[in-house]
Amino acid sequence: MAVGVDMQSVYFSVSTAEIVAIAEGSAESMAAVEMVTMSTGTFTSLEGIEIIDSKSMTSAIETANKVFSAYQAPNK
């Protein structure tokens, strides 16, 4: 049964004995993959890191700047 995660690539670190996978999917799909993966007992830990491209980061910075400019701190 597919959960909607697209595995982009897999790398192996010889120096740290870790597997690094680049995958794309929704937060819910990634959580499901983590639950299944960890339930097998094959891995001792799993860490998901959300990353975005530079265009999305620029947009987020611009949005944050607009919000920050309009923000009025309480009691100030």
C-alpha atoms as a PDB file:
ATOM      1  CA  MET A   1       0.000   0.000   0.000  1.00  0.00           C
ATOM      2  CA  ALA A   2       1.491   3.340  -1.045  1.00  0.00           C
ATOM      3  CA  VAL A   3       1.377   6.258   1.386  1.00  0.00           C
ATOM      4  CA  GLY A   4       2.180   9.071  -1.043  1.00  0.00           C
ATOM      5  CA  VAL A   5       5.892   9.526  -0.346  1.00  0.00           C
ATOM      6  CA  ASP A   6       8.275   9.896  -3.276  1.00  0.00           C
ATOM      7  CA  MET A   7      11.777   8.649  -2.462  1.00  0.00           C
ATOM      8  CA  GLN A   8      14.148  10.989  -4.323  1.00  0.00           C
ATOM      9  CA  SER A   9      17.494   9.455  -3.321  1.00  0.00           C
ATOM     10  CA  VAL A  10      19.287   7.470  -0.616  1.00  0.00           C
ATOM     11  CA  TYR A  11      22.827   8.010   0.652  1.00  0.00           C
ATOM     12  CA  PHE A  12      24.992   6.034   3.058  1.00  0.00           C
ATOM     13  CA  SER A  13      27.473   7.632   5.450  1.00  0.00           C
ATOM     14  CA  VAL A  14      30.442   5.402   6.062  1.00  0.00           C
ATOM     15  CA  SER A  15      31.844   7.705   8.761  1.00  0.00           C
ATOM     16  CA  THR A  16      28.654   7.849  10.884  1.00  0.00           C
ATOM     17  CA  ALA A  17      26.966   4.573   9.880  1.00  0.00           C
ATOM     18  CA  GLU A  18      23.818   6.492   8.942  1.00  0.00           C
ATOM     19  CA  ILE A  19      21.406   6.340   6.048  1.00  0.00           C
ATOM     20  CA  VAL A  20      20.250   9.673   4.623  1.00  0.00           C
ATOM     21  CA  ALA A  21      17.140   9.585   2.459  1.00  0.00           C
ATOM     22  CA  ILE A  22      15.698  12.485   0.504  1.00  0.00           C
ATOM     23  CA  ALA A  23      11.931  11.982   0.237  1.00  0.00           C
ATOM     24  CA  GLU A  24       8.964  14.154  -0.680  1.00  0.00           C
ATOM     25  CA  GLY A  25       5.494  13.885   0.810  1.00  0.00           C
ATOM     26  CA  SER A  26       2.924  15.487   3.080  1.00  0.00           C
ATOM     27  CA  ALA A  27       3.504  15.700   6.827  1.00  0.00           C
ATOM     28  CA  GLU A  28       0.915  12.959   7.365  1.00  0.00           C
ATOM     29  CA  SER A  29       2.523  10.659   4.806  1.00  0.00           C
ATOM     30  CA  MET A  30       5.980  11.191   6.242  1.00  0.00           C
ATOM     31  CA  ALA A  31       4.656  10.463   9.746  1.00  0.00           C
ATOM     32  CA  ALA A  32       3.127   7.205   8.504  1.00  0.00           C
ATOM     33  CA  VAL A  33       6.435   6.174   6.914  1.00  0.00           C
ATOM     34  CA  GLU A  34       8.235   6.972  10.164  1.00  0.00           C
ATOM     35  CA  MET A  35       5.773   4.900  12.196  1.00  0.00           C
ATOM     36  CA  VAL A  36       6.087   1.880   9.912  1.00  0.00           C
ATOM     37  CA  THR A  37       9.873   2.177   9.628  1.00  0.00           C
ATOM     38  CA  MET A  38      10.409   2.443  13.372  1.00  0.00           C
ATOM     39  CA  SER A  39       7.934  -0.347  14.165  1.00  0.00           C
ATOM     40  CA  THR A  40      10.136  -2.840  12.279  1.00  0.00           C
ATOM     41  CA  GLY A  41      12.917  -2.504  14.841  1.00  0.00           C
ATOM     42  CA  THR A  42      15.475  -2.227  12.031  1.00  0.00           C
ATOM     43  CA  PHE A  43      16.403   1.368  12.923  1.00  0.00           C
ATOM     44  CA  THR A  44      17.244   2.860  16.306  1.00  0.00           C
ATOM     45  CA  SER A  45      16.269   6.421  15.377  1.00  0.00           C
ATOM     46  CA  LEU A  46      14.739   8.440  12.598  1.00  0.00           C
ATOM     47  CA  GLU A  47      14.797  12.197  12.097  1.00  0.00           C
ATOM     48  CA  GLY A  48      12.707  14.126   9.603  1.00  0.00           C
ATOM     49  CA  ILE A  49      13.867  17.552   8.511  1.00  0.00           C
ATOM     50  CA  GLU A  50      11.581  19.731   6.436  1.00  0.00           C
ATOM     51  CA  ILE A  51      13.417  21.733   3.784  1.00  0.00           C
ATOM     52  CA  ILE A  52      12.228  24.339   1.298  1.00  0.00           C
ATOM     53  CA  ASP A  53      13.740  25.810  -1.848  1.00  0.00           C
ATOM     54  CA  SER A  54      15.155  29.341  -2.066  1.00  0.00           C
ATOM     55  CA  LYS A  55      12.037  30.735  -3.782  1.00  0.00           C
ATOM     56  CA  SER A  56       9.814  29.492  -0.938  1.00  0.00           C
ATOM     57  CA  MET A  57      12.289  30.814   1.652  1.00  0.00           C
ATOM     58  CA  THR A  58      12.290  34.258   0.022  1.00  0.00           C
ATOM     59  CA  SER A  59       8.492  34.264   0.067  1.00  0.00           C
ATOM     60  CA  ALA A  60       8.458  33.257   3.737  1.00  0.00           C
ATOM     61  CA  ILE A  61      10.913  36.051   4.600  1.00  0.00           C
ATOM     62  CA  GLU A  62       8.781  38.604   2.772  1.00  0.00           C
ATOM     63  CA  THR A  63       5.635  37.411   4.572  1.00  0.00           C
ATOM     64  CA  ALA A  64       7.379  37.492   7.950  1.00  0.00           C
ATOM     65  CA  ASN A  65       8.623  41.014   7.262  1.00  0.00           C
ATOM     66  CA  LYS A  66       5.066  42.199   6.497  1.00  0.00           C
ATOM     67  CA  VAL A  67       3.701  40.597   9.661  1.00  0.00           C
ATOM     68  CA  PHE A  68       6.560  41.902  11.793  1.00  0.00           C
ATOM     69  CA  SER A  69       6.106  45.444  10.450  1.00  0.00           C
ATOM     70  CA  ALA A  70       2.425  45.422  11.446  1.00  0.00           C
ATOM     71  CA  TYR A  71       2.913  43.679  14.813  1.00  0.00           C
ATOM     72  CA  GLN A  72       2.255  45.658  17.963  1.00  0.00           C
ATOM     73  CA  ALA A  73       3.737  44.001  21.032  1.00  0.00           C
ATOM     74  CA  PRO A  74       1.429  43.915  24.051  1.00  0.00           C
ATOM     75  CA  ASN A  75       2.190  46.423  26.826  1.00  0.00           C
ATOM     76  CA  LYS A  76       4.410  48.584  24.622  1.00  0.00           C
END
